[in-house]
Amino acid sequence: MTPEASFDTGLDVLSVRKLNRRSVPRIAWQVFAPPDTSRGVTSTTGMTLPECLVTSETPFPVQVDGDVMRERTHAEITLARDALWVVA
């Protein structure tokens, strides 16, 4: 969903303020189109972020590498540069 993402830059972050069943098809469509920031979707594509802090008044679900973690009211994501080697 962030087509400009690169292993050579910082984190690209895409956030959705509210996710309900009605908005899932629109957000899924954005995999193939640029994010629409006017509809509750925010993207930092093109910025070089070394870290990101996500906060919410209500707990939200978190997944790490497909593993479901406990719900949280904040999550800190930090870039671990050169932690993964990709051979293509």
Protein backbone atom coordinates (compact mmCIF):
# COMPACT_ATOMS: atom_id res chain seq x y z
CA MET A 1 0.00 0.00 0.00
CA THR A 2 3.07 2.24 0.05
CA PRO A 3 4.49 1.75 -3.46
CA GLU A 4 7.48 4.03 -2.87
CA ALA A 5 8.73 1.87 0.05
CA SER A 6 12.36 0.89 -0.21
CA PHE A 7 14.92 -1.03 1.83
CA ASP A 8 17.25 1.96 1.33
CA THR A 9 15.09 4.52 3.16
CA GLY A 10 13.32 4.73 6.50
CA LEU A 11 9.94 3.38 7.54
CA ASP A 12 6.91 4.00 5.34
CA VAL A 13 3.79 4.18 7.50
CA LEU A 14 0.18 3.83 6.43
CA SER A 15 -2.48 4.37 9.06
CA VAL A 16 -6.25 4.02 9.03
CA ARG A 17 -8.12 6.00 11.66
CA LYS A 18 -11.20 3.79 11.76
CA LEU A 19 -11.68 0.43 10.12
CA ASN A 20 -15.19 -0.92 9.75
CA ARG A 21 -16.68 -3.43 7.33
CA ARG A 22 -17.95 -0.74 4.96
CA SER A 23 -14.50 0.80 4.54
CA VAL A 24 -12.58 -2.47 3.93
CA PRO A 25 -13.28 -2.62 0.15
CA ARG A 26 -12.18 1.01 -0.32
CA ILE A 27 -8.99 0.51 1.67
CA ALA A 28 -8.26 -2.79 -0.10
CA TRP A 29 -8.67 -0.99 -3.44
CA GLN A 30 -5.95 1.45 -2.36
CA VAL A 31 -3.42 -1.36 -2.65
CA PHE A 32 -3.60 -0.53 -6.37
CA ALA A 33 -4.12 3.24 -6.08
CA PRO A 34 -2.51 6.08 -4.07
CA PRO A 35 -3.93 6.53 -0.54
CA ASP A 36 -6.76 9.04 -0.20
CA THR A 37 -5.82 11.16 2.81
CA SER A 38 -9.20 12.88 2.83
CA ARG A 39 -10.96 9.66 3.92
CA GLY A 40 -9.12 8.80 7.12
CA VAL A 41 -6.06 7.18 5.52
CA THR A 42 -2.65 8.76 6.15
CA SER A 43 0.60 7.79 4.46
CA THR A 44 4.17 8.96 5.05
CA THR A 45 5.49 7.65 1.73
CA GLY A 46 8.61 9.53 0.70
CA MET A 47 9.63 10.47 4.25
CA THR A 48 12.52 8.84 6.04
CA LEU A 49 11.24 7.86 9.47
CA PRO A 50 13.62 6.02 11.82
CA GLU A 51 10.74 5.31 14.22
CA CYS A 52 7.00 5.71 14.63
CA LEU A 53 4.77 5.89 17.71
CA VAL A 54 1.10 4.91 17.29
CA THR A 55 -1.26 5.87 20.11
CA SER A 56 -4.98 5.51 20.74
CA GLU A 57 -7.38 6.15 23.60
CA THR A 58 -8.91 2.71 23.02
CA PRO A 59 -6.85 -0.50 22.72
CA PHE A 60 -6.10 -1.66 19.17
CA PRO A 61 -4.93 -5.05 17.83
CA VAL A 62 -1.27 -5.48 16.90
CA GLN A 63 0.36 -8.12 14.70
CA VAL A 64 4.10 -8.72 14.36
CA ASP A 65 5.19 -10.92 11.46
CA GLY A 66 1.69 -12.43 11.40
CA ASP A 67 1.67 -13.24 15.12
CA VAL A 68 -1.21 -11.66 17.03
CA MET A 69 -0.03 -9.69 20.06
CA ARG A 70 -2.17 -8.40 22.90
CA GLU A 71 -4.20 -5.24 22.29
CA ARG A 72 -2.38 -2.01 23.15
CA THR A 73 -3.01 1.70 23.49
CA HIS A 74 0.41 2.50 22.03
CA ALA A 75 2.98 0.79 19.83
CA GLU A 76 6.51 1.97 19.09
CA ILE A 77 7.99 0.80 15.79
CA THR A 78 11.73 1.28 15.28
CA LEU A 79 13.71 0.75 12.08
CA ALA A 80 16.43 -1.90 12.46
CA ARG A 81 18.58 -0.91 9.50
CA ASP A 82 20.50 -3.79 7.88
CA ALA A 83 18.75 -6.36 10.12
CA LEU A 84 17.48 -8.26 7.06
CA TRP A 85 19.33 -9.17 3.92
CA VAL A 86 17.22 -9.64 0.82
CA VAL A 87 18.66 -11.49 -2.18
CA ALA A 88 16.61 -11.14 -5.33
